[in-house]
Amino acid sequence: QVAAARRLMSDNLGAVREVYELARRAKHVELRERLHDDITWHPAREGAWKPCENVDDVVRTLLWRADANRLRPGEMLVVGDRVFVQLRGKRLERLGAKGIIPRLFQVIVVRNGKLASIRDYARREDAHAAAGLKK
């Protein structure tokens, strides 16, 4: 059981890394295959941008962010089916990041090896709570 749990955690981490790598390389067909059709993506603050409600919206947003913002994962932690990600990139404050050094966080839900939902957070504490990490 422990080995299976470790493999699942490793698979979830790999799935998130692969999605960001495919977005960076603008490989939209392969990217689409790693996302569930009903995937959603919500911004760090309400009204910052229209939430993505399907795979087409998410693919467009990932490609745009990878290009315009050079968005890529930094620190990553796996908590069951969720992956906590601290993002790196340019102009993160435009995407809802906060602080003197703007930081943006995500909690990504992975289901059956594919990304099922993405939510941005401006504060590490909020992302940790959403991922199920304790202080």
Protein backbone atom coordinates (compact mmCIF):
# COMPACT_ATOMS: atom_id res chain seq x y z
CA GLN A 1 0.00 0.00 0.00
CA VAL A 2 2.80 2.41 0.85
CA ALA A 3 4.52 1.71 -2.46
CA ALA A 4 1.25 2.31 -4.34
CA ALA A 5 0.72 5.62 -2.51
CA ARG A 6 4.26 6.74 -3.33
CA ARG A 7 3.80 5.80 -6.98
CA LEU A 8 0.53 7.77 -7.12
CA MET A 9 2.22 10.82 -5.56
CA SER A 10 5.08 10.56 -8.05
CA ASP A 11 2.61 10.15 -10.94
CA ASN A 12 0.63 13.22 -9.85
CA LEU A 13 3.78 15.32 -9.60
CA GLY A 14 4.91 14.08 -13.01
CA ALA A 15 1.51 14.90 -14.55
CA VAL A 16 1.71 18.53 -13.37
CA ARG A 17 5.32 18.94 -14.52
CA GLU A 18 4.48 17.45 -17.90
CA VAL A 19 1.52 19.82 -18.44
CA TYR A 20 3.69 22.86 -17.76
CA GLU A 21 6.45 21.53 -20.03
CA LEU A 22 4.00 20.90 -22.87
CA ALA A 23 2.56 24.40 -22.43
CA ARG A 24 6.06 25.90 -22.54
CA ARG A 25 6.72 24.06 -25.80
CA ALA A 26 3.26 25.05 -27.16
CA LYS A 27 2.32 21.41 -27.79
CA HIS A 28 -1.42 21.98 -27.51
CA VAL A 29 -2.54 18.57 -28.83
CA GLU A 30 -0.46 16.64 -26.28
CA LEU A 31 -1.40 19.16 -23.58
CA ARG A 32 -5.11 18.64 -24.24
CA GLU A 33 -4.66 14.86 -23.79
CA ARG A 34 -3.36 15.41 -20.22
CA LEU A 35 -6.44 17.41 -19.16
CA HIS A 36 -9.96 16.19 -18.35
CA ASP A 37 -12.65 17.60 -20.66
CA ASP A 38 -14.46 19.10 -17.65
CA ILE A 39 -11.37 20.75 -16.12
CA THR A 40 -11.84 24.15 -14.48
CA TRP A 41 -9.38 26.91 -13.56
CA HIS A 42 -10.26 29.70 -11.12
CA PRO A 43 -8.31 32.93 -10.59
CA ALA A 44 -6.66 34.06 -7.36
CA ARG A 45 -9.21 36.84 -6.92
CA GLU A 46 -12.79 36.98 -8.09
CA GLY A 47 -13.15 39.07 -11.24
CA ALA A 48 -9.43 39.07 -12.10
CA TRP A 49 -10.26 37.10 -15.23
CA LYS A 50 -13.06 34.84 -16.38
CA PRO A 51 -12.67 31.37 -14.89
CA CYS A 52 -11.87 28.61 -17.38
CA GLU A 53 -14.75 26.17 -17.51
CA ASN A 54 -13.60 23.60 -20.07
CA VAL A 55 -10.52 22.06 -21.62
CA ASP A 56 -10.35 24.58 -24.50
CA ASP A 57 -10.24 27.54 -22.09
CA VAL A 58 -7.58 25.87 -19.93
CA VAL A 59 -5.36 24.98 -22.91
CA ARG A 60 -5.55 28.58 -24.21
CA THR A 61 -4.77 30.01 -20.78
CA LEU A 62 -1.87 27.62 -20.14
CA LEU A 63 -0.33 28.43 -23.52
CA TRP A 64 -0.79 32.16 -23.01
CA ARG A 65 0.65 32.13 -19.49
CA ALA A 66 3.60 29.97 -20.52
CA ASP A 67 4.42 32.43 -23.32
CA ALA A 68 3.52 35.87 -21.91
CA ASN A 69 4.39 35.21 -18.27
CA ARG A 70 6.99 32.44 -18.66
CA LEU A 71 4.92 30.63 -16.06
CA ARG A 72 6.50 27.45 -14.69
CA PRO A 73 6.28 25.41 -11.49
CA GLY A 74 8.71 26.06 -8.67
CA GLU A 75 8.19 24.38 -5.29
CA MET A 76 5.76 21.45 -5.53
CA LEU A 77 4.20 19.27 -2.82
CA VAL A 78 1.85 16.34 -3.33
CA VAL A 79 -1.03 15.80 -0.90
CA GLY A 80 -3.07 12.82 -2.12
CA ASP A 81 -4.84 13.82 -5.33
CA ARG A 82 -3.76 17.47 -4.95
CA VAL A 83 -0.51 19.13 -5.91
CA PHE A 84 0.52 22.41 -4.27
CA VAL A 85 2.60 24.55 -6.65
CA GLN A 86 4.45 27.81 -6.10
CA LEU A 87 4.68 29.37 -9.54
CA ARG A 88 7.61 31.19 -11.06
CA GLY A 89 7.42 33.62 -13.91
CA LYS A 90 7.16 37.24 -14.96
CA ARG A 91 4.53 39.79 -13.97
CA LEU A 92 2.80 37.47 -11.51
CA GLU A 93 1.03 40.44 -9.90
CA ARG A 94 -1.10 40.68 -13.07
CA LEU A 95 -2.35 37.18 -12.30
CA GLY A 96 -3.30 37.99 -8.71
CA ALA A 97 0.02 37.51 -6.90
CA LYS A 98 0.58 39.53 -3.73
CA GLY A 99 3.53 40.77 -1.70
CA ILE A 100 6.68 42.84 -2.07
CA ILE A 101 8.02 39.99 -4.14
CA PRO A 102 4.80 38.83 -5.84
CA ARG A 103 4.12 35.14 -5.40
CA LEU A 104 1.38 33.03 -6.91
CA PHE A 105 0.33 29.57 -5.77
CA GLN A 106 -1.87 26.86 -7.23
CA VAL A 107 -3.64 23.79 -6.02
CA ILE A 108 -4.09 21.32 -8.85
CA VAL A 109 -6.33 18.26 -8.56
CA VAL A 110 -5.18 15.19 -10.50
CA ARG A 111 -7.70 12.46 -11.32
CA ASN A 112 -6.67 9.25 -13.11
CA GLY A 113 -3.38 10.80 -14.23
CA LYS A 114 -5.00 13.87 -15.80
CA LEU A 115 -5.48 17.36 -14.40
CA ALA A 116 -9.07 17.88 -13.21
CA SER A 117 -8.95 21.38 -11.72
CA ILE A 118 -6.62 24.31 -11.10
CA ARG A 119 -7.13 27.14 -8.63
CA ASP A 120 -4.79 30.08 -8.15
CA TYR A 121 -4.08 31.60 -4.73
CA ALA A 122 -2.37 34.86 -3.83
CA ARG A 123 -1.37 33.65 -0.36
CA ARG A 124 0.62 30.54 0.55
CA GLU A 125 -1.56 29.96 3.64
CA ASP A 126 -4.74 29.84 1.55
CA ALA A 127 -3.19 27.40 -0.94
CA HIS A 128 -1.83 25.22 1.88
CA ALA A 129 -5.29 25.07 3.47
CA ALA A 130 -6.92 24.18 0.15
CA ALA A 131 -4.33 21.45 -0.48
CA GLY A 132 -4.87 20.00 2.99
CA LEU A 133 -1.41 20.91 4.31
CA LYS A 134 -1.14 21.77 7.98
CA LYS A 135 0.81 24.72 9.27
